[in-house]
Amino acid sequence: MIAALKILPFFTTMLGGAVALRAHRRLHLVYGLAGGAMLGLVAFHLLPELSSVGLPTVGSVPLPYILLAVAFLLMFALEELIGPHPTDDDSGGEHRHPHVGLIGAGALVAHSFIDGLAIGIGFQVSDAIGLAILIAVLAHDFADGMTTASIMRRHGNTARRTWALVFAGAIAPVIGAFLGGALHLSEAWILGYAGFFAGTLIYFATRDMIPAARQGGTVATAFVTVTAGVVLMWALAAAGI
């Protein structure tokens, strides 16, 4: 029974990716919702976890917070170094950096794998804790699948390559869940990664998703969709998910 439950994140991630890829002309709405969900995930789910006491520090600052800033700066540097830039002759055309999309989507795949590990470790503690973590991962993985597809398409990747990354993101938590049943990871390691991942989410929300929502629609629709994504993540946190 538990083995069957560990497979469920695959379907929610694929569903999220399908929603993003089927949006077509209304993709700007998906961008806004995804951007808001990313900000909400950081504000209501990741940052509270990073407030735990007893974390390793560097210069009196908790390491996860330092990794958050490092991740943001790293993503900014990678995009500037890897991606082409508009010249004075192209009227500031839209940036499309397929490799940057792969980097962002790859970070989400890694995050999904860590989610899976959490499921496996949770079921080691008790079925109740494992089930609670599973419910949270199912909710988050839908947003992850949608965000993965959004990032890939936003940076000009083909639909085929996008589906490949969505599939990788869907299978990652399943592999992590089964592996997590046999591993014992330290809390400090998990929280350090959470800080790094929070930095990548903030970067893609503010640099890619929200600007794309504004470009494809109006200020009003962008604000509404971004707010909806934030409120969705708040509601999940308020419900203890």
C-alpha atoms as a PDB file:
ATOM      1  CA  MET A   1       0.000   0.000   0.000  1.00  0.00           C
ATOM      2  CA  ILE A   2       2.779   2.444   0.971  1.00  0.00           C
ATOM      3  CA  ALA A   3       4.668   1.563  -2.208  1.00  0.00           C
ATOM      4  CA  ALA A   4       1.631   2.528  -4.290  1.00  0.00           C
ATOM      5  CA  LEU A   5       1.300   5.853  -2.450  1.00  0.00           C
ATOM      6  CA  LYS A   6       4.917   6.725  -3.253  1.00  0.00           C
ATOM      7  CA  ILE A   7       4.078   6.636  -6.977  1.00  0.00           C
ATOM      8  CA  LEU A   8       1.348   9.296  -6.764  1.00  0.00           C
ATOM      9  CA  PRO A   9       3.687  12.338  -7.161  1.00  0.00           C
ATOM     10  CA  PHE A  10       4.430  11.159 -10.706  1.00  0.00           C
ATOM     11  CA  PHE A  11       0.844  11.795 -11.789  1.00  0.00           C
ATOM     12  CA  THR A  12       0.416  15.177 -10.112  1.00  0.00           C
ATOM     13  CA  THR A  13       3.665  16.471 -11.638  1.00  0.00           C
ATOM     14  CA  MET A  14       2.699  15.297 -15.123  1.00  0.00           C
ATOM     15  CA  LEU A  15      -0.730  16.893 -14.698  1.00  0.00           C
ATOM     16  CA  GLY A  16       0.853  20.214 -13.750  1.00  0.00           C
ATOM     17  CA  GLY A  17       3.105  20.065 -16.815  1.00  0.00           C
ATOM     18  CA  ALA A  18       0.149  19.252 -19.064  1.00  0.00           C
ATOM     19  CA  VAL A  19      -1.802  22.252 -17.748  1.00  0.00           C
ATOM     20  CA  ALA A  20       1.085  24.572 -18.592  1.00  0.00           C
ATOM     21  CA  LEU A  21       1.676  23.125 -22.060  1.00  0.00           C
ATOM     22  CA  ARG A  22      -1.995  23.123 -23.040  1.00  0.00           C
ATOM     23  CA  ALA A  23      -2.520  26.767 -22.072  1.00  0.00           C
ATOM     24  CA  HIS A  24      -1.228  28.110 -25.443  1.00  0.00           C
ATOM     25  CA  ARG A  25      -2.401  31.737 -25.814  1.00  0.00           C
ATOM     26  CA  ARG A  26      -3.293  31.950 -22.157  1.00  0.00           C
ATOM     27  CA  LEU A  27       0.159  30.874 -21.051  1.00  0.00           C
ATOM     28  CA  HIS A  28       0.711  34.296 -19.451  1.00  0.00           C
ATOM     29  CA  LEU A  29      -1.924  33.295 -16.901  1.00  0.00           C
ATOM     30  CA  VAL A  30       0.073  30.183 -16.095  1.00  0.00           C
ATOM     31  CA  TYR A  31       3.236  32.269 -15.770  1.00  0.00           C
ATOM     32  CA  GLY A  32       1.523  34.560 -13.265  1.00  0.00           C
ATOM     33  CA  LEU A  33       0.096  31.677 -11.242  1.00  0.00           C
ATOM     34  CA  ALA A  34       3.452  29.868 -11.272  1.00  0.00           C
ATOM     35  CA  GLY A  35       5.322  33.014 -10.245  1.00  0.00           C
ATOM     36  CA  GLY A  36       2.965  33.606  -7.353  1.00  0.00           C
ATOM     37  CA  ALA A  37       3.169  29.957  -6.301  1.00  0.00           C
ATOM     38  CA  MET A  38       6.979  30.184  -6.277  1.00  0.00           C
ATOM     39  CA  LEU A  39       6.916  33.260  -4.050  1.00  0.00           C
ATOM     40  CA  GLY A  40       4.312  31.667  -1.796  1.00  0.00           C
ATOM     41  CA  LEU A  41       6.294  28.456  -1.511  1.00  0.00           C
ATOM     42  CA  VAL A  42       9.324  30.427  -0.352  1.00  0.00           C
ATOM     43  CA  ALA A  43       7.408  32.703   2.028  1.00  0.00           C
ATOM     44  CA  PHE A  44       5.057  30.203   3.655  1.00  0.00           C
ATOM     45  CA  HIS A  45       6.826  26.852   3.364  1.00  0.00           C
ATOM     46  CA  LEU A  46      10.591  27.177   2.927  1.00  0.00           C
ATOM     47  CA  LEU A  47      11.451  30.238   5.034  1.00  0.00           C
ATOM     48  CA  PRO A  48       9.610  28.920   8.123  1.00  0.00           C
ATOM     49  CA  GLU A  49      11.674  25.744   7.844  1.00  0.00           C
ATOM     50  CA  LEU A  50      14.856  27.818   7.647  1.00  0.00           C
ATOM     51  CA  SER A  51      14.092  29.494  10.976  1.00  0.00           C
ATOM     52  CA  SER A  52      14.990  26.366  12.936  1.00  0.00           C
ATOM     53  CA  VAL A  53      17.497  26.867  15.734  1.00  0.00           C
ATOM     54  CA  GLY A  54      20.824  25.106  15.853  1.00  0.00           C
ATOM     55  CA  LEU A  55      21.674  25.572  12.165  1.00  0.00           C
ATOM     56  CA  PRO A  56      25.313  25.955  11.090  1.00  0.00           C
ATOM     57  CA  THR A  57      26.295  29.592  10.658  1.00  0.00           C
ATOM     58  CA  VAL A  58      28.846  31.597   8.704  1.00  0.00           C
ATOM     59  CA  GLY A  59      29.659  34.917  10.320  1.00  0.00           C
ATOM     60  CA  SER A  60      26.659  34.499  12.654  1.00  0.00           C
ATOM     61  CA  VAL A  61      24.280  34.156   9.658  1.00  0.00           C
ATOM     62  CA  PRO A  62      22.542  30.753   9.242  1.00  0.00           C
ATOM     63  CA  LEU A  63      24.013  28.875   6.293  1.00  0.00           C
ATOM     64  CA  PRO A  64      20.637  28.274   4.516  1.00  0.00           C
ATOM     65  CA  TYR A  65      20.099  32.046   4.263  1.00  0.00           C
ATOM     66  CA  ILE A  66      23.542  32.505   2.770  1.00  0.00           C
ATOM     67  CA  LEU A  67      22.825  29.753   0.253  1.00  0.00           C
ATOM     68  CA  LEU A  68      19.575  31.516  -0.657  1.00  0.00           C
ATOM     69  CA  ALA A  69      21.513  34.626  -1.690  1.00  0.00           C
ATOM     70  CA  VAL A  70      24.219  32.541  -3.390  1.00  0.00           C
ATOM     71  CA  ALA A  71      21.614  30.701  -5.467  1.00  0.00           C
ATOM     72  CA  PHE A  72      20.000  33.944  -6.629  1.00  0.00           C
ATOM     73  CA  LEU A  73      23.348  35.452  -7.631  1.00  0.00           C
ATOM     74  CA  LEU A  74      24.441  32.212  -9.293  1.00  0.00           C
ATOM     75  CA  MET A  75      21.308  32.039 -11.430  1.00  0.00           C
ATOM     76  CA  PHE A  76      21.742  35.698 -12.390  1.00  0.00           C
ATOM     77  CA  ALA A  77      25.382  35.110 -13.373  1.00  0.00           C
ATOM     78  CA  LEU A  78      24.564  31.977 -15.349  1.00  0.00           C
ATOM     79  CA  GLU A  79      21.814  33.702 -17.312  1.00  0.00           C
ATOM     80  CA  GLU A  80      24.060  36.653 -18.133  1.00  0.00           C
ATOM     81  CA  LEU A  81      27.000  34.434 -19.136  1.00  0.00           C
ATOM     82  CA  ILE A  82      25.126  31.720 -21.034  1.00  0.00           C
ATOM     83  CA  GLY A  83      22.250  33.546 -22.652  1.00  0.00           C
ATOM     84  CA  PRO A  84      22.427  35.955 -25.592  1.00  0.00           C
ATOM     85  CA  HIS A  85      21.509  39.577 -24.972  1.00  0.00           C
ATOM     86  CA  PRO A  86      19.391  41.964 -27.052  1.00  0.00           C
ATOM     87  CA  THR A  87      21.368  44.588 -28.932  1.00  0.00           C
ATOM     88  CA  ASP A  88      20.480  48.177 -29.676  1.00  0.00           C
ATOM     89  CA  ASP A  89      19.142  47.022 -33.045  1.00  0.00           C
ATOM     90  CA  ASP A  90      16.589  44.518 -31.826  1.00  0.00           C
ATOM     91  CA  SER A  91      14.488  46.959 -29.789  1.00  0.00           C
ATOM     92  CA  GLY A  92      15.050  44.986 -26.596  1.00  0.00           C
ATOM     93  CA  GLY A  93      13.561  41.750 -27.896  1.00  0.00           C
ATOM     94  CA  GLU A  94      12.566  39.033 -25.496  1.00  0.00           C
ATOM     95  CA  HIS A  95      15.329  36.926 -23.983  1.00  0.00           C
ATOM     96  CA  ARG A  96      15.112  33.225 -24.826  1.00  0.00           C
ATOM     97  CA  HIS A  97      17.848  31.163 -23.201  1.00  0.00           C
ATOM     98  CA  PRO A  98      17.152  27.413 -23.587  1.00  0.00           C
ATOM     99  CA  HIS A  99      20.147  26.447 -21.449  1.00  0.00           C
ATOM    100  CA  VAL A 100      19.005  28.693 -18.622  1.00  0.00           C
ATOM    101  CA  GLY A 101      15.589  27.053 -18.818  1.00  0.00           C
ATOM    102  CA  LEU A 102      17.298  23.679 -18.472  1.00  0.00           C
ATOM    103  CA  ILE A 103      19.184  24.887 -15.408  1.00  0.00           C
ATOM    104  CA  GLY A 104      16.008  26.144 -13.748  1.00  0.00           C
ATOM    105  CA  ALA A 105      14.040  23.035 -14.620  1.00  0.00           C
ATOM    106  CA  GLY A 106      16.939  20.888 -13.433  1.00  0.00           C
ATOM    107  CA  ALA A 107      16.833  22.638 -10.064  1.00  0.00           C
ATOM    108  CA  LEU A 108      13.139  21.786  -9.827  1.00  0.00           C
ATOM    109  CA  VAL A 109      13.894  18.148 -10.670  1.00  0.00           C
ATOM    110  CA  ALA A 110      16.467  18.084  -7.871  1.00  0.00           C
ATOM    111  CA  HIS A 111      13.929  19.663  -5.524  1.00  0.00           C
ATOM    112  CA  SER A 112      11.366  17.011  -6.470  1.00  0.00           C
ATOM    113  CA  PHE A 113      13.921  14.310  -5.697  1.00  0.00           C
ATOM    114  CA  ILE A 114      14.448  15.823  -2.233  1.00  0.00           C
ATOM    115  CA  ASP A 115      10.670  15.882  -1.778  1.00  0.00           C
ATOM    116  CA  GLY A 116      10.650  12.190  -2.521  1.00  0.00           C
ATOM    117  CA  LEU A 117      13.390  11.537   0.012  1.00  0.00           C
ATOM    118  CA  ALA A 118      11.265  13.337   2.598  1.00  0.00           C
ATOM    119  CA  ILE A 119       8.361  11.008   1.836  1.00  0.00           C
ATOM    120  CA  GLY A 120      10.498   7.912   2.290  1.00  0.00           C
ATOM    121  CA  ILE A 121      12.053   9.205   5.515  1.00  0.00           C
ATOM    122  CA  GLY A 122       8.632  10.238   6.826  1.00  0.00           C
ATOM    123  CA  PHE A 123       7.237   6.751   6.394  1.00  0.00           C
ATOM    124  CA  GLN A 124      10.225   5.445   8.327  1.00  0.00           C
ATOM    125  CA  VAL A 125       9.080   7.509  11.304  1.00  0.00           C
ATOM    126  CA  SER A 126       5.395   6.565  11.064  1.00  0.00           C
ATOM    127  CA  ASP A 127       2.649   6.013   8.507  1.00  0.00           C
ATOM    128  CA  ALA A 128       0.866   9.172   9.724  1.00  0.00           C
ATOM    129  CA  ILE A 129       3.912  11.402   9.232  1.00  0.00           C
ATOM    130  CA  GLY A 130       4.703   9.809   5.890  1.00  0.00           C
ATOM    131  CA  LEU A 131       1.133  10.393   4.704  1.00  0.00           C
ATOM    132  CA  ALA A 132       1.192  14.036   5.837  1.00  0.00           C
ATOM    133  CA  ILE A 133       4.415  14.655   3.908  1.00  0.00           C
ATOM    134  CA  LEU A 134       3.002  12.835   0.880  1.00  0.00           C
ATOM    135  CA  ILE A 135      -0.059  15.112   0.790  1.00  0.00           C
ATOM    136  CA  ALA A 136       2.182  18.166   0.932  1.00  0.00           C
ATOM    137  CA  VAL A 137       4.392  16.842  -1.863  1.00  0.00           C
ATOM    138  CA  LEU A 138       1.394  16.031  -4.067  1.00  0.00           C
ATOM    139  CA  ALA A 139       0.197  19.625  -3.763  1.00  0.00           C
ATOM    140  CA  HIS A 140       3.638  21.072  -4.403  1.00  0.00           C
ATOM    141  CA  ASP A 141       4.510  18.741  -7.265  1.00  0.00           C
ATOM    142  CA  PHE A 142       1.536  19.906  -9.290  1.00  0.00           C
ATOM    143  CA  ALA A 143       2.962  23.433  -9.056  1.00  0.00           C
ATOM    144  CA  ASP A 144       6.448  22.060  -9.759  1.00  0.00           C
ATOM    145  CA  GLY A 145       5.264  20.352 -12.945  1.00  0.00           C
ATOM    146  CA  MET A 146       3.535  23.510 -14.093  1.00  0.00           C
ATOM    147  CA  THR A 147       6.556  25.642 -13.202  1.00  0.00           C
ATOM    148  CA  THR A 148       9.007  23.276 -14.926  1.00  0.00           C
ATOM    149  CA  ALA A 149       7.039  23.440 -18.162  1.00  0.00           C
ATOM    150  CA  SER A 150       6.643  27.217 -17.829  1.00  0.00           C
ATOM    151  CA  ILE A 151      10.369  27.818 -17.335  1.00  0.00           C
ATOM    152  CA  MET A 152      11.304  25.568 -20.243  1.00  0.00           C
ATOM    153  CA  ARG A 153       8.859  27.170 -22.669  1.00  0.00           C
ATOM    154  CA  ARG A 154       9.637  30.660 -21.399  1.00  0.00           C
ATOM    155  CA  HIS A 155      13.261  30.152 -22.459  1.00  0.00           C
ATOM    156  CA  GLY A 156      12.427  28.803 -25.909  1.00  0.00           C
ATOM    157  CA  ASN A 157      12.844  25.056 -25.356  1.00  0.00           C
ATOM    158  CA  THR A 158      10.907  22.685 -27.616  1.00  0.00           C
ATOM    159  CA  ALA A 159       7.780  20.901 -26.430  1.00  0.00           C
ATOM    160  CA  ARG A 160       9.602  17.575 -26.690  1.00  0.00           C
ATOM    161  CA  ARG A 161      12.467  18.732 -24.467  1.00  0.00           C
ATOM    162  CA  THR A 162       9.977  20.316 -22.087  1.00  0.00           C
ATOM    163  CA  TRP A 163       8.073  17.050 -21.706  1.00  0.00           C
ATOM    164  CA  ALA A 164      11.374  15.261 -21.052  1.00  0.00           C
ATOM    165  CA  LEU A 165      12.119  17.608 -18.129  1.00  0.00           C
ATOM    166  CA  VAL A 166       8.558  17.351 -16.827  1.00  0.00           C
ATOM    167  CA  PHE A 167       8.872  13.554 -16.937  1.00  0.00           C
ATOM    168  CA  ALA A 168      12.207  13.753 -15.112  1.00  0.00           C
ATOM    169  CA  GLY A 169      10.553  15.940 -12.485  1.00  0.00           C
ATOM    170  CA  ALA A 170       7.698  13.435 -12.211  1.00  0.00           C
ATOM    171  CA  ILE A 171       9.886  10.373 -11.761  1.00  0.00           C
ATOM    172  CA  ALA A 172      12.370  12.095  -9.424  1.00  0.00           C
ATOM    173  CA  PRO A 173      10.143  12.122  -6.294  1.00  0.00           C
ATOM    174  CA  VAL A 174       9.197   8.489  -6.888  1.00  0.00           C
ATOM    175  CA  ILE A 175      12.865   7.466  -6.975  1.00  0.00           C
ATOM    176  CA  GLY A 176      13.550   9.681  -3.968  1.00  0.00           C
ATOM    177  CA  ALA A 177      10.654   8.179  -2.006  1.00  0.00           C
ATOM    178  CA  PHE A 178      11.899   4.630  -2.407  1.00  0.00           C
ATOM    179  CA  LEU A 179      15.503   5.639  -1.768  1.00  0.00           C
ATOM    180  CA  GLY A 180      14.477   7.685   1.261  1.00  0.00           C
ATOM    181  CA  GLY A 181      13.084   4.563   2.833  1.00  0.00           C
ATOM    182  CA  ALA A 182      16.639   3.282   3.169  1.00  0.00           C
ATOM    183  CA  LEU A 183      18.547   6.524   3.925  1.00  0.00           C
ATOM    184  CA  HIS A 184      18.911   8.783   6.937  1.00  0.00           C
ATOM    185  CA  LEU A 185      19.751  12.381   5.965  1.00  0.00           C
ATOM    186  CA  SER A 186      20.700  15.077   8.454  1.00  0.00           C
ATOM    187  CA  GLU A 187      18.307  17.967   9.010  1.00  0.00           C
ATOM    188  CA  ALA A 188      21.096  20.481   8.395  1.00  0.00           C
ATOM    189  CA  TRP A 189      21.713  19.077   4.901  1.00  0.00           C
ATOM    190  CA  ILE A 190      18.040  19.230   3.968  1.00  0.00           C
ATOM    191  CA  LEU A 191      17.643  22.793   5.268  1.00  0.00           C
ATOM    192  CA  GLY A 192      20.805  23.914   3.476  1.00  0.00           C
ATOM    193  CA  TYR A 193      19.377  22.691   0.204  1.00  0.00           C
ATOM    194  CA  ALA A 194      16.046  24.319   1.031  1.00  0.00           C
ATOM    195  CA  GLY A 195      17.825  27.666   1.330  1.00  0.00           C
ATOM    196  CA  PHE A 196      19.551  27.233  -2.024  1.00  0.00           C
ATOM    197  CA  PHE A 197      16.317  26.199  -3.699  1.00  0.00           C
ATOM    198  CA  ALA A 198      14.508  29.196  -2.206  1.00  0.00           C
ATOM    199  CA  GLY A 199      17.021  31.457  -3.928  1.00  0.00           C
ATOM    200  CA  THR A 200      16.369  29.852  -7.325  1.00  0.00           C
ATOM    201  CA  LEU A 201      12.613  30.190  -6.839  1.00  0.00           C
ATOM    202  CA  ILE A 202      12.870  33.886  -6.004  1.00  0.00           C
ATOM    203  CA  TYR A 203      15.062  34.435  -9.048  1.00  0.00           C
ATOM    204  CA  PHE A 204      12.766  32.729 -11.540  1.00  0.00           C
ATOM    205  CA  ALA A 205       9.622  34.255 -10.028  1.00  0.00           C
ATOM    206  CA  THR A 206      10.923  37.826 -10.214  1.00  0.00           C
ATOM    207  CA  ARG A 207      13.144  37.579 -13.305  1.00  0.00           C
ATOM    208  CA  ASP A 208      11.052  35.319 -15.544  1.00  0.00           C
ATOM    209  CA  MET A 209       7.565  34.300 -14.479  1.00  0.00           C
ATOM    210  CA  ILE A 210       6.088  37.607 -13.300  1.00  0.00           C
ATOM    211  CA  PRO A 211       7.558  39.704 -16.165  1.00  0.00           C
ATOM    212  CA  ALA A 212       6.219  37.103 -18.620  1.00  0.00           C
ATOM    213  CA  ALA A 213       2.769  37.334 -17.038  1.00  0.00           C
ATOM    214  CA  ARG A 214       2.819  41.103 -17.512  1.00  0.00           C
ATOM    215  CA  GLN A 215       4.116  40.879 -21.081  1.00  0.00           C
ATOM    216  CA  GLY A 216       1.410  38.489 -22.250  1.00  0.00           C
ATOM    217  CA  GLY A 217      -1.501  40.215 -20.547  1.00  0.00           C
ATOM    218  CA  THR A 218      -2.381  43.324 -18.591  1.00  0.00           C
ATOM    219  CA  VAL A 219      -1.177  44.637 -15.261  1.00  0.00           C
ATOM    220  CA  ALA A 220      -4.511  43.637 -13.737  1.00  0.00           C
ATOM    221  CA  THR A 221      -4.425  40.023 -14.967  1.00  0.00           C
ATOM    222  CA  ALA A 222      -0.783  39.682 -13.931  1.00  0.00           C
ATOM    223  CA  PHE A 223      -1.552  40.974 -10.451  1.00  0.00           C
ATOM    224  CA  VAL A 224      -4.577  38.706 -10.062  1.00  0.00           C
ATOM    225  CA  THR A 225      -2.797  35.537 -11.209  1.00  0.00           C
ATOM    226  CA  VAL A 226       0.338  36.217  -9.158  1.00  0.00           C
ATOM    227  CA  THR A 227      -1.803  36.949  -6.112  1.00  0.00           C
ATOM    228  CA  ALA A 228      -3.787  33.758  -6.721  1.00  0.00           C
ATOM    229  CA  GLY A 229      -0.569  31.726  -6.723  1.00  0.00           C
ATOM    230  CA  VAL A 230       0.575  33.334  -3.467  1.00  0.00           C
ATOM    231  CA  VAL A 231      -2.816  32.821  -1.819  1.00  0.00           C
ATOM    232  CA  LEU A 232      -2.891  29.187  -2.947  1.00  0.00           C
ATOM    233  CA  MET A 233       0.417  28.460  -1.206  1.00  0.00           C
ATOM    234  CA  TRP A 234      -0.740  30.399   1.862  1.00  0.00           C
ATOM    235  CA  ALA A 235      -3.928  28.316   2.004  1.00  0.00           C
ATOM    236  CA  LEU A 236      -1.907  25.102   1.852  1.00  0.00           C
ATOM    237  CA  ALA A 237       0.337  26.343   4.666  1.00  0.00           C
ATOM    238  CA  ALA A 238      -2.663  27.487   6.736  1.00  0.00           C
ATOM    239  CA  ALA A 239      -4.189  24.023   6.298  1.00  0.00           C
ATOM    240  CA  GLY A 240      -0.971  22.456   7.541  1.00  0.00           C
ATOM    241  CA  ILE A 241      -0.112  21.032   4.119  1.00  0.00           C
END
